[in-house]
Amino acid sequence: MSAPWWWPFNALFWKIPSVASRKLSEGIAAGKGPILLLDVRSPSEYGSFHIEGALNVTVYSLKENIEAVKEIVASLKSKSNDGKGYPHDVVCICLSAHRSPPAVRLLKEHGIDACQLAYGMAAWRLGGYPTVSGAPEPISQWLARARGEAVPDTPVAPAGGIDTAGAGCAQGAPACGADKSGGKAAADSACGVTACAASK
């Protein structure tokens, strides 16, 4: 049985271009950061802490969203001052640089100049570099901005609770099964999304 495409441990693993946390932080502070920070962790990991301005697309769903990511990168690149990010157009981010290698490989296969954050968010936090928290913005909103369209509001569950949150889940989940009597806290526990929009 062959390993899934996103499996990182193969002969190409150690050939993935990387950027150190310090260098990335300095580039961002100087206004010479990458075109896009692509966080490939889960929504709950992202919600707990992430680098401000990063797009969240899990590594497991990246392949099905690759055309959208390409369009977003092309749009951002066309609007940048010098047409190129520093040191690469896209920096892929995970917790410890295990999920980012396959993301970099996939982007490169689709003609996108990409690298990974060396040692991931673990090293970023260890270095004391800034993070923010909060639920990820749906890729549909990023795509709308890339196309110059009106950005749809992030759906919010009705006050009736989590039983009706399927249509309002910011993650697009059809139904998370959380107990509505527990409200937001129960929703967080049941679906793993740290900043669930559902309310009691």
N, C-alpha and C. Protein backbone atom coordinates (compact mmCIF):
# COMPACT_ATOMS: atom_id res chain seq x y z
N MET A 1 0.85 -1.19 0.00
CA MET A 1 0.00 0.00 0.00
C MET A 1 0.89 1.25 0.00
N SER A 2 0.63 2.15 -0.90
CA SER A 2 1.43 3.37 -0.97
C SER A 2 0.97 4.37 0.09
N ALA A 3 1.91 5.19 0.54
CA ALA A 3 1.60 6.19 1.56
C ALA A 3 0.77 7.31 0.94
N PRO A 4 -0.08 7.99 1.72
CA PRO A 4 -0.85 9.12 1.20
C PRO A 4 0.09 10.22 0.71
N TRP A 5 -0.40 11.06 -0.20
CA TRP A 5 0.45 12.07 -0.82
C TRP A 5 1.07 13.02 0.20
N TRP A 6 0.37 13.24 1.31
CA TRP A 6 0.85 14.21 2.29
C TRP A 6 1.82 13.61 3.30
N TRP A 7 2.13 12.31 3.18
CA TRP A 7 3.04 11.69 4.14
C TRP A 7 4.42 12.32 4.01
N PRO A 8 4.98 12.91 5.07
CA PRO A 8 6.22 13.69 4.96
C PRO A 8 7.52 12.89 4.97
N PHE A 9 7.48 11.69 5.52
CA PHE A 9 8.74 10.99 5.72
C PHE A 9 9.14 10.18 4.49
N ASN A 10 9.83 10.83 3.57
CA ASN A 10 10.38 10.12 2.42
C ASN A 10 11.69 10.78 2.03
N ALA A 11 12.27 10.36 0.92
CA ALA A 11 13.60 10.83 0.53
C ALA A 11 13.65 12.34 0.29
N LEU A 12 12.50 12.95 0.01
CA LEU A 12 12.48 14.38 -0.29
C LEU A 12 12.33 15.24 0.96
N PHE A 13 12.09 14.59 2.09
CA PHE A 13 11.77 15.34 3.31
C PHE A 13 12.85 16.36 3.66
N TRP A 14 14.11 15.97 3.59
CA TRP A 14 15.19 16.85 4.03
C TRP A 14 15.60 17.85 2.96
N LYS A 15 14.95 17.82 1.80
CA LYS A 15 15.29 18.76 0.73
C LYS A 15 14.29 19.91 0.64
N ILE A 16 13.44 20.01 1.62
CA ILE A 16 12.43 21.08 1.62
C ILE A 16 13.08 22.40 2.04
N PRO A 17 12.97 23.45 1.23
CA PRO A 17 13.53 24.75 1.63
C PRO A 17 12.82 25.28 2.86
N SER A 18 13.59 25.87 3.75
CA SER A 18 13.05 26.36 5.02
C SER A 18 13.50 27.78 5.31
N VAL A 19 12.73 28.46 6.14
CA VAL A 19 13.10 29.79 6.61
C VAL A 19 12.99 29.76 8.13
N ALA A 20 13.99 30.31 8.81
CA ALA A 20 13.99 30.34 10.27
C ALA A 20 12.99 31.36 10.79
N SER A 21 12.51 31.12 12.00
CA SER A 21 11.53 32.02 12.61
C SER A 21 12.05 33.46 12.65
N ARG A 22 13.29 33.62 13.04
CA ARG A 22 13.86 34.97 13.16
C ARG A 22 13.86 35.69 11.81
N LYS A 23 14.27 34.99 10.77
CA LYS A 23 14.33 35.61 9.46
C LYS A 23 12.93 35.97 8.95
N LEU A 24 11.98 35.08 9.17
CA LEU A 24 10.62 35.36 8.75
C LEU A 24 10.05 36.54 9.53
N SER A 25 10.27 36.56 10.84
CA SER A 25 9.78 37.65 11.67
C SER A 25 10.36 38.99 11.24
N GLU A 26 11.65 38.99 10.96
CA GLU A 26 12.31 40.23 10.53
C GLU A 26 11.76 40.69 9.19
N GLY A 27 11.52 39.74 8.29
CA GLY A 27 10.96 40.09 6.98
C GLY A 27 9.58 40.69 7.10
N ILE A 28 8.74 40.09 7.93
CA ILE A 28 7.39 40.60 8.13
C ILE A 28 7.43 42.00 8.75
N ALA A 29 8.28 42.17 9.76
CA ALA A 29 8.39 43.47 10.44
C ALA A 29 8.88 44.56 9.50
N ALA A 30 9.71 44.18 8.53
CA ALA A 30 10.26 45.15 7.59
C ALA A 30 9.34 45.38 6.39
N GLY A 31 8.19 44.72 6.40
CA GLY A 31 7.27 44.86 5.27
C GLY A 31 7.72 44.09 4.05
N LYS A 32 8.60 43.11 4.26
CA LYS A 32 9.11 42.30 3.15
C LYS A 32 8.82 40.82 3.40
N GLY A 33 7.66 40.57 4.01
CA GLY A 33 7.29 39.20 4.29
C GLY A 33 6.83 38.49 3.04
N PRO A 34 6.48 37.21 3.17
CA PRO A 34 6.02 36.44 2.01
C PRO A 34 4.67 36.94 1.51
N ILE A 35 4.34 36.57 0.29
CA ILE A 35 3.03 36.91 -0.26
C ILE A 35 1.93 36.32 0.62
N LEU A 36 2.16 35.08 1.07
CA LEU A 36 1.13 34.39 1.85
C LEU A 36 1.76 33.48 2.89
N LEU A 37 1.20 33.51 4.10
CA LEU A 37 1.52 32.54 5.14
C LEU A 37 0.41 31.50 5.09
N LEU A 38 0.76 30.25 4.86
CA LEU A 38 -0.23 29.19 4.73
C LEU A 38 -0.08 28.21 5.89
N ASP A 39 -1.01 28.28 6.82
CA ASP A 39 -0.99 27.43 8.01
C ASP A 39 -1.78 26.16 7.70
N VAL A 40 -1.09 25.02 7.69
CA VAL A 40 -1.74 23.77 7.29
C VAL A 40 -2.15 22.90 8.48
N ARG A 41 -2.18 23.49 9.67
CA ARG A 41 -2.65 22.76 10.84
C ARG A 41 -4.17 22.68 10.86
N SER A 42 -4.71 22.01 11.87
CA SER A 42 -6.16 21.90 12.00
C SER A 42 -6.74 23.24 12.42
N PRO A 43 -8.04 23.47 12.18
CA PRO A 43 -8.68 24.72 12.62
C PRO A 43 -8.56 24.96 14.11
N SER A 44 -8.61 23.89 14.92
CA SER A 44 -8.51 24.08 16.37
C SER A 44 -7.10 24.51 16.77
N GLU A 45 -6.08 23.94 16.13
CA GLU A 45 -4.71 24.35 16.40
C GLU A 45 -4.52 25.81 16.00
N TYR A 46 -4.99 26.14 14.81
CA TYR A 46 -4.90 27.52 14.31
C TYR A 46 -5.62 28.47 15.26
N GLY A 47 -6.82 28.07 15.71
CA GLY A 47 -7.60 28.93 16.59
C GLY A 47 -6.90 29.24 17.90
N SER A 48 -6.12 28.29 18.39
CA SER A 48 -5.41 28.49 19.65
C SER A 48 -4.31 29.53 19.53
N PHE A 49 -3.54 29.46 18.47
CA PHE A 49 -2.50 30.46 18.20
C PHE A 49 -2.00 30.30 16.78
N HIS A 50 -1.75 31.43 16.13
CA HIS A 50 -1.22 31.44 14.77
C HIS A 50 -0.55 32.77 14.49
N ILE A 51 0.18 32.84 13.42
CA ILE A 51 0.79 34.10 13.00
C ILE A 51 -0.29 34.95 12.35
N GLU A 52 -0.38 36.18 12.75
CA GLU A 52 -1.43 37.06 12.24
C GLU A 52 -1.40 37.13 10.71
N GLY A 53 -2.58 37.02 10.11
CA GLY A 53 -2.69 37.14 8.67
C GLY A 53 -2.53 35.85 7.90
N ALA A 54 -2.33 34.73 8.59
CA ALA A 54 -2.13 33.45 7.91
C ALA A 54 -3.46 32.86 7.44
N LEU A 55 -3.41 32.25 6.26
CA LEU A 55 -4.56 31.51 5.74
C LEU A 55 -4.48 30.08 6.27
N ASN A 56 -5.60 29.56 6.75
CA ASN A 56 -5.64 28.20 7.27
C ASN A 56 -6.31 27.25 6.28
N VAL A 57 -5.52 26.33 5.74
CA VAL A 57 -6.03 25.25 4.91
C VAL A 57 -5.31 23.99 5.38
N THR A 58 -6.01 23.03 5.92
CA THR A 58 -5.33 21.86 6.45
C THR A 58 -4.58 21.12 5.34
N VAL A 59 -3.49 20.47 5.70
CA VAL A 59 -2.72 19.74 4.70
C VAL A 59 -3.57 18.67 4.03
N TYR A 60 -4.52 18.12 4.78
CA TYR A 60 -5.36 17.05 4.24
C TYR A 60 -6.37 17.56 3.21
N SER A 61 -6.69 18.85 3.25
CA SER A 61 -7.64 19.41 2.29
C SER A 61 -6.95 20.32 1.26
N LEU A 62 -5.63 20.41 1.33
CA LEU A 62 -4.92 21.33 0.46
C LEU A 62 -5.05 20.95 -1.01
N LYS A 63 -5.00 19.66 -1.29
CA LYS A 63 -5.06 19.22 -2.69
C LYS A 63 -6.36 19.65 -3.35
N GLU A 64 -7.47 19.53 -2.61
CA GLU A 64 -8.76 19.90 -3.19
C GLU A 64 -8.95 21.41 -3.25
N ASN A 65 -8.12 22.15 -2.52
CA ASN A 65 -8.21 23.62 -2.52
C ASN A 65 -7.05 24.28 -3.26
N ILE A 66 -6.25 23.49 -3.96
CA ILE A 66 -5.03 24.03 -4.56
C ILE A 66 -5.31 25.11 -5.60
N GLU A 67 -6.37 24.96 -6.38
CA GLU A 67 -6.68 25.97 -7.40
C GLU A 67 -7.06 27.30 -6.74
N ALA A 68 -7.79 27.23 -5.63
CA ALA A 68 -8.16 28.44 -4.90
C ALA A 68 -6.92 29.11 -4.33
N VAL A 69 -6.01 28.30 -3.76
CA VAL A 69 -4.77 28.85 -3.21
C VAL A 69 -3.94 29.51 -4.31
N LYS A 70 -3.86 28.88 -5.47
CA LYS A 70 -3.11 29.45 -6.59
C LYS A 70 -3.69 30.80 -7.00
N GLU A 71 -5.00 30.89 -7.02
CA GLU A 71 -5.66 32.15 -7.40
C GLU A 71 -5.39 33.24 -6.36
N ILE A 72 -5.44 32.86 -5.09
CA ILE A 72 -5.18 33.81 -4.02
C ILE A 72 -3.74 34.31 -4.09
N VAL A 73 -2.79 33.40 -4.29
CA VAL A 73 -1.38 33.78 -4.38
C VAL A 73 -1.14 34.70 -5.57
N ALA A 74 -1.74 34.37 -6.71
CA ALA A 74 -1.57 35.19 -7.91
C ALA A 74 -2.11 36.60 -7.69
N SER A 75 -3.25 36.70 -7.02
CA SER A 75 -3.85 38.00 -6.74
C SER A 75 -2.98 38.81 -5.79
N LEU A 76 -2.52 38.19 -4.71
CA LEU A 76 -1.68 38.89 -3.75
C LEU A 76 -0.36 39.31 -4.38
N LYS A 77 0.18 38.45 -5.23
CA LYS A 77 1.46 38.75 -5.87
C LYS A 77 1.33 39.94 -6.81
N SER A 78 0.21 40.04 -7.50
CA SER A 78 0.00 41.15 -8.43
C SER A 78 -0.14 42.48 -7.71
N LYS A 79 -0.51 42.43 -6.43
CA LYS A 79 -0.71 43.65 -5.66
C LYS A 79 0.49 44.02 -4.79
N SER A 80 1.49 43.14 -4.74
CA SER A 80 2.65 43.42 -3.89
C SER A 80 3.55 44.46 -4.54
N ASN A 81 4.37 45.10 -3.73
CA ASN A 81 5.23 46.17 -4.23
C ASN A 81 6.28 45.69 -5.22
N ASP A 82 6.89 44.54 -4.91
CA ASP A 82 7.97 44.08 -5.79
C ASP A 82 7.62 42.80 -6.53
N GLY A 83 6.38 42.32 -6.37
CA GLY A 83 5.96 41.14 -7.09
C GLY A 83 6.47 39.84 -6.53
N LYS A 84 7.21 39.89 -5.44
CA LYS A 84 7.75 38.67 -4.86
C LYS A 84 7.90 38.82 -3.35
N GLY A 85 7.59 37.74 -2.68
CA GLY A 85 7.71 37.75 -1.23
C GLY A 85 9.15 37.51 -0.80
N TYR A 86 9.35 37.46 0.50
CA TYR A 86 10.70 37.28 1.05
C TYR A 86 10.65 36.23 2.12
N PRO A 87 11.42 35.17 2.02
CA PRO A 87 12.33 34.83 0.93
C PRO A 87 11.65 34.03 -0.19
N HIS A 88 10.42 33.60 0.04
CA HIS A 88 9.63 32.88 -0.96
C HIS A 88 8.23 33.48 -0.98
N ASP A 89 7.48 33.17 -2.03
CA ASP A 89 6.12 33.72 -2.12
C ASP A 89 5.22 33.19 -1.01
N VAL A 90 5.36 31.91 -0.68
CA VAL A 90 4.50 31.29 0.33
C VAL A 90 5.36 30.58 1.36
N VAL A 91 5.02 30.76 2.61
CA VAL A 91 5.66 30.00 3.70
C VAL A 91 4.60 29.09 4.31
N CYS A 92 4.82 27.78 4.23
CA CYS A 92 3.90 26.81 4.79
C CYS A 92 4.26 26.56 6.26
N ILE A 93 3.24 26.50 7.09
CA ILE A 93 3.44 26.43 8.53
C ILE A 93 2.64 25.29 9.14
N CYS A 94 3.28 24.50 10.00
CA CYS A 94 2.56 23.54 10.84
C CYS A 94 3.13 23.66 12.24
N LEU A 95 2.94 22.65 13.08
CA LEU A 95 3.41 22.76 14.45
C LEU A 95 4.90 22.49 14.57
N SER A 96 5.38 21.44 13.89
CA SER A 96 6.79 21.05 14.06
C SER A 96 7.46 20.64 12.76
N ALA A 97 6.97 21.17 11.63
CA ALA A 97 7.56 20.91 10.30
C ALA A 97 7.44 19.45 9.88
N HIS A 98 6.31 18.83 10.21
CA HIS A 98 6.02 17.49 9.72
C HIS A 98 4.91 17.50 8.67
N ARG A 99 3.98 18.42 8.79
CA ARG A 99 2.91 18.54 7.79
C ARG A 99 3.24 19.56 6.71
N SER A 100 4.14 20.48 7.00
CA SER A 100 4.48 21.50 6.01
C SER A 100 5.27 20.99 4.81
N PRO A 101 6.16 19.98 4.95
CA PRO A 101 6.90 19.51 3.77
C PRO A 101 6.02 19.06 2.61
N PRO A 102 5.00 18.22 2.84
CA PRO A 102 4.17 17.84 1.70
C PRO A 102 3.40 19.03 1.12
N ALA A 103 3.05 20.00 1.97
CA ALA A 103 2.37 21.19 1.47
C ALA A 103 3.28 21.97 0.53
N VAL A 104 4.55 22.11 0.92
CA VAL A 104 5.52 22.80 0.06
C VAL A 104 5.69 22.06 -1.26
N ARG A 105 5.81 20.75 -1.19
CA ARG A 105 5.97 19.96 -2.42
C ARG A 105 4.79 20.15 -3.35
N LEU A 106 3.58 20.11 -2.78
CA LEU A 106 2.38 20.25 -3.61
C LEU A 106 2.33 21.63 -4.28
N LEU A 107 2.64 22.67 -3.51
CA LEU A 107 2.64 24.02 -4.08
C LEU A 107 3.66 24.13 -5.20
N LYS A 108 4.83 23.58 -4.98
CA LYS A 108 5.88 23.64 -6.00
C LYS A 108 5.46 22.89 -7.27
N GLU A 109 4.77 21.78 -7.09
CA GLU A 109 4.28 21.02 -8.24
C GLU A 109 3.30 21.85 -9.07
N HIS A 110 2.67 22.82 -8.41
CA HIS A 110 1.70 23.67 -9.10
C HIS A 110 2.28 25.05 -9.43
N GLY A 111 3.60 25.13 -9.44
CA GLY A 111 4.27 26.35 -9.88
C GLY A 111 4.33 27.48 -8.89
N ILE A 112 4.12 27.18 -7.61
CA ILE A 112 4.17 28.22 -6.58
C ILE A 112 5.48 28.15 -5.82
N ASP A 113 6.17 29.26 -5.72
CA ASP A 113 7.44 29.35 -4.99
C ASP A 113 7.15 29.28 -3.49
N ALA A 114 7.53 28.17 -2.85
CA ALA A 114 7.16 27.97 -1.45
C ALA A 114 8.31 27.39 -0.64
N CYS A 115 8.24 27.62 0.66
CA CYS A 115 9.16 27.02 1.61
C CYS A 115 8.38 26.74 2.88
N GLN A 116 9.03 26.20 3.89
CA GLN A 116 8.36 25.94 5.15
C GLN A 116 9.01 26.74 6.27
N LEU A 117 8.25 26.94 7.34
CA LEU A 117 8.79 27.55 8.54
C LEU A 117 9.58 26.48 9.28
N ALA A 118 10.88 26.67 9.42
CA ALA A 118 11.73 25.68 10.06
C ALA A 118 11.25 25.36 11.47
N TYR A 119 11.02 24.09 11.74
CA TYR A 119 10.58 23.59 13.05
C TYR A 119 9.21 24.13 13.47
N GLY A 120 8.51 24.75 12.54
CA GLY A 120 7.12 25.11 12.74
C GLY A 120 6.81 26.12 13.84
N MET A 121 5.54 26.11 14.24
CA MET A 121 5.08 27.05 15.26
C MET A 121 5.70 26.78 16.62
N ALA A 122 6.17 25.56 16.84
CA ALA A 122 6.85 25.26 18.10
C ALA A 122 8.07 26.15 18.26
N ALA A 123 8.86 26.29 17.18
CA ALA A 123 10.05 27.14 17.23
C ALA A 123 9.67 28.61 17.26
N TRP A 124 8.62 28.98 16.54
CA TRP A 124 8.16 30.37 16.53
C TRP A 124 7.79 30.83 17.93
N ARG A 125 7.04 30.02 18.64
CA ARG A 125 6.63 30.38 20.00
C ARG A 125 7.80 30.34 20.97
N LEU A 126 8.68 29.37 20.78
CA LEU A 126 9.85 29.27 21.65
C LEU A 126 10.72 30.52 21.51
N GLY A 127 10.74 31.09 20.31
CA GLY A 127 11.52 32.30 20.08
C GLY A 127 10.84 33.55 20.58
N GLY A 128 9.61 33.43 21.06
CA GLY A 128 8.90 34.58 21.60
C GLY A 128 8.31 35.49 20.55
N TYR A 129 8.13 34.99 19.33
CA TYR A 129 7.56 35.82 18.26
C TYR A 129 6.04 35.89 18.41
N PRO A 130 5.42 36.97 17.94
CA PRO A 130 4.00 37.21 18.23
C PRO A 130 3.04 36.25 17.55
N THR A 131 1.97 35.94 18.26
CA THR A 131 0.88 35.14 17.71
C THR A 131 -0.44 35.78 18.10
N VAL A 132 -1.48 35.38 17.42
CA VAL A 132 -2.84 35.80 17.77
C VAL A 132 -3.69 34.54 17.83
N SER A 133 -4.90 34.67 18.34
CA SER A 133 -5.82 33.54 18.40
C SER A 133 -7.11 33.90 17.71
N GLY A 134 -7.92 32.90 17.43
CA GLY A 134 -9.20 33.15 16.78
C GLY A 134 -9.45 32.15 15.66
N ALA A 135 -10.71 31.91 15.37
CA ALA A 135 -11.10 30.95 14.34
C ALA A 135 -10.60 31.39 12.97
N PRO A 136 -10.26 30.43 12.11
CA PRO A 136 -9.79 30.78 10.77
C PRO A 136 -10.88 31.38 9.90
N GLU A 137 -10.47 32.26 9.03
CA GLU A 137 -11.40 32.83 8.06
C GLU A 137 -11.56 31.83 6.92
N PRO A 138 -12.78 31.54 6.50
CA PRO A 138 -12.98 30.58 5.42
C PRO A 138 -12.24 30.98 4.14
N ILE A 139 -11.75 29.99 3.43
CA ILE A 139 -11.01 30.27 2.20
C ILE A 139 -11.89 30.97 1.18
N SER A 140 -13.21 30.78 1.28
CA SER A 140 -14.14 31.44 0.36
C SER A 140 -14.04 32.96 0.49
N GLN A 141 -13.77 33.45 1.69
CA GLN A 141 -13.64 34.89 1.88
C GLN A 141 -12.32 35.39 1.27
N TRP A 142 -11.25 34.62 1.44
CA TRP A 142 -9.97 34.98 0.81
C TRP A 142 -10.14 35.01 -0.71
N LEU A 143 -10.86 34.03 -1.25
CA LEU A 143 -11.05 33.94 -2.69
C LEU A 143 -11.89 35.10 -3.20
N ALA A 144 -12.90 35.48 -2.44
CA ALA A 144 -13.75 36.61 -2.83
C ALA A 144 -12.92 37.89 -2.93
N ARG A 145 -12.05 38.12 -1.94
CA ARG A 145 -11.18 39.31 -2.00
C ARG A 145 -10.22 39.24 -3.18
N ALA A 146 -9.71 38.05 -3.46
CA ALA A 146 -8.79 37.89 -4.59
C ALA A 146 -9.46 38.24 -5.91
N ARG A 147 -10.75 38.00 -5.97
CA ARG A 147 -11.51 38.27 -7.21
C ARG A 147 -12.15 39.66 -7.21
N GLY A 148 -11.94 40.41 -6.12
CA GLY A 148 -12.51 41.74 -6.05
C GLY A 148 -14.01 41.72 -5.81
N GLU A 149 -14.49 40.62 -5.25
CA GLU A 149 -15.92 40.48 -4.98
C GLU A 149 -16.24 40.91 -3.55
N ALA A 150 -17.51 41.11 -3.28
CA ALA A 150 -17.94 41.41 -1.92
C ALA A 150 -17.63 40.21 -1.04
N VAL A 151 -17.03 40.46 0.10
CA VAL A 151 -16.67 39.36 0.99
C VAL A 151 -17.86 38.99 1.85
N PRO A 152 -18.33 37.74 1.74
CA PRO A 152 -19.50 37.33 2.54
C PRO A 152 -19.14 37.30 4.01
N ASP A 153 -20.14 37.61 4.85
CA ASP A 153 -19.93 37.55 6.29
C ASP A 153 -19.73 36.10 6.71
N THR A 154 -18.91 35.90 7.76
CA THR A 154 -18.76 34.56 8.31
C THR A 154 -20.08 34.16 8.95
N PRO A 155 -20.65 33.02 8.55
CA PRO A 155 -21.93 32.60 9.12
C PRO A 155 -21.82 32.41 10.63
N VAL A 156 -22.87 32.81 11.32
CA VAL A 156 -22.92 32.65 12.78
C VAL A 156 -24.17 31.86 13.12
N ALA A 157 -24.03 30.89 14.01
CA ALA A 157 -25.18 30.07 14.37
C ALA A 157 -26.25 30.89 15.05
N PRO A 158 -27.52 30.57 14.77
CA PRO A 158 -28.61 31.28 15.44
C PRO A 158 -28.55 31.07 16.95
N ALA A 159 -29.25 31.95 17.69
CA ALA A 159 -29.23 31.85 19.14
C ALA A 159 -29.87 30.57 19.64
N GLY A 160 -30.55 29.84 18.74
CA GLY A 160 -31.19 28.60 19.13
C GLY A 160 -30.20 27.55 19.58
N GLY A 161 -28.94 27.71 19.28
CA GLY A 161 -27.94 26.77 19.77
C GLY A 161 -27.28 25.97 18.69
N ILE A 162 -26.51 24.98 19.13
CA ILE A 162 -25.67 24.23 18.22
C ILE A 162 -26.46 23.30 17.31
N ASP A 163 -27.72 23.00 17.65
CA ASP A 163 -28.49 22.11 16.80
C ASP A 163 -28.73 22.75 15.43
N THR A 164 -28.71 24.07 15.37
CA THR A 164 -28.89 24.76 14.10
C THR A 164 -27.58 25.34 13.58
N ALA A 165 -26.48 24.96 14.21
CA ALA A 165 -25.19 25.54 13.83
C ALA A 165 -24.61 24.95 12.57
N GLY A 166 -25.22 23.87 12.06
CA GLY A 166 -24.68 23.26 10.85
C GLY A 166 -24.52 24.26 9.73
N ALA A 167 -25.59 25.05 9.48
CA ALA A 167 -25.53 26.02 8.40
C ALA A 167 -24.69 27.22 8.77
N GLY A 168 -24.47 27.43 10.09
CA GLY A 168 -23.76 28.62 10.52
C GLY A 168 -22.35 28.38 10.96
N CYS A 169 -21.89 27.14 10.87
CA CYS A 169 -20.55 26.83 11.34
C CYS A 169 -19.50 27.49 10.47
N ALA A 170 -18.57 28.21 11.08
CA ALA A 170 -17.52 28.89 10.33
C ALA A 170 -16.63 27.91 9.60
N GLN A 171 -16.64 26.64 10.04
CA GLN A 171 -15.83 25.62 9.39
C GLN A 171 -16.57 24.92 8.26
N GLY A 172 -17.86 25.26 8.07
CA GLY A 172 -18.62 24.64 7.00
C GLY A 172 -19.10 23.23 7.34
N ALA A 173 -19.03 22.84 8.61
CA ALA A 173 -19.44 21.50 9.01
C ALA A 173 -20.95 21.37 8.93
N PRO A 174 -21.47 20.30 8.34
CA PRO A 174 -22.92 20.15 8.22
C PRO A 174 -23.60 19.97 9.56
N ALA A 175 -22.96 19.31 10.49
CA ALA A 175 -23.52 19.12 11.83
C ALA A 175 -22.43 18.60 12.73
N CYS A 176 -22.20 19.24 13.85
CA CYS A 176 -21.09 18.82 14.70
C CYS A 176 -21.54 17.94 15.84
N GLY A 177 -22.85 17.88 16.10
CA GLY A 177 -23.35 16.98 17.11
C GLY A 177 -23.17 17.46 18.53
N ALA A 178 -22.73 18.69 18.73
CA ALA A 178 -22.53 19.19 20.09
C ALA A 178 -23.87 19.36 20.80
N ASP A 179 -23.88 19.15 22.08
CA ASP A 179 -25.09 19.31 22.88
C ASP A 179 -25.44 20.79 22.99
N LYS A 180 -26.61 21.17 22.47
CA LYS A 180 -26.96 22.59 22.45
C LYS A 180 -27.11 23.17 23.86
N SER A 181 -27.40 22.33 24.83
CA SER A 181 -27.58 22.84 26.18
C SER A 181 -26.30 23.38 26.77
N GLY A 182 -25.15 22.92 26.24
CA GLY A 182 -23.87 23.39 26.76
C GLY A 182 -23.40 24.66 26.08
N GLY A 183 -24.06 25.04 24.99
CA GLY A 183 -23.67 26.25 24.27
C GLY A 183 -22.30 26.15 23.65
N LYS A 184 -21.61 27.27 23.63
CA LYS A 184 -20.32 27.38 22.96
C LYS A 184 -19.28 26.42 23.53
N ALA A 185 -19.24 26.30 24.84
CA ALA A 185 -18.24 25.44 25.46
C ALA A 185 -18.40 24.00 25.01
N ALA A 186 -19.66 23.55 24.93
CA ALA A 186 -19.91 22.19 24.49
C ALA A 186 -19.55 22.03 23.02
N ALA A 187 -19.81 23.07 22.24
CA ALA A 187 -19.47 23.01 20.82
C ALA A 187 -17.97 22.87 20.64
N ASP A 188 -17.21 23.65 21.41
CA ASP A 188 -15.76 23.57 21.33
C ASP A 188 -15.28 22.16 21.64
N SER A 189 -15.85 21.60 22.70
CA SER A 189 -15.42 20.27 23.15
C SER A 189 -15.77 19.21 22.13
N ALA A 190 -16.93 19.36 21.49
CA ALA A 190 -17.39 18.32 20.59
C ALA A 190 -16.73 18.35 19.24
N CYS A 191 -16.44 19.54 18.73
CA CYS A 191 -15.91 19.60 17.37
C CYS A 191 -14.43 19.97 17.33
N GLY A 192 -13.88 20.44 18.42
CA GLY A 192 -12.45 20.74 18.43
C GLY A 192 -12.11 22.10 17.90
N VAL A 193 -13.11 22.86 17.43
CA VAL A 193 -12.86 24.20 16.95
C VAL A 193 -12.87 25.15 18.15
N THR A 194 -11.75 25.77 18.41
CA THR A 194 -11.60 26.57 19.62
C THR A 194 -12.56 27.73 19.70
N ALA A 195 -12.79 28.39 18.57
CA ALA A 195 -13.64 29.58 18.60
C ALA A 195 -14.91 29.34 17.80
N CYS A 196 -15.72 28.43 18.26
CA CYS A 196 -16.96 28.11 17.58
C CYS A 196 -17.93 29.29 17.68
N ALA A 197 -18.68 29.54 16.61
CA ALA A 197 -19.59 30.68 16.61
C ALA A 197 -20.92 30.36 17.29
N ALA A 198 -21.15 29.08 17.57
CA ALA A 198 -22.46 28.71 18.15
C ALA A 198 -22.62 29.30 19.53
N SER A 199 -23.85 29.65 19.87
CA SER A 199 -24.13 30.20 21.19
C SER A 199 -25.30 29.46 21.81
N LYS A 200 -25.40 29.56 23.11
CA LYS A 200 -26.45 28.86 23.81
C LYS A 200 -27.81 29.47 23.52
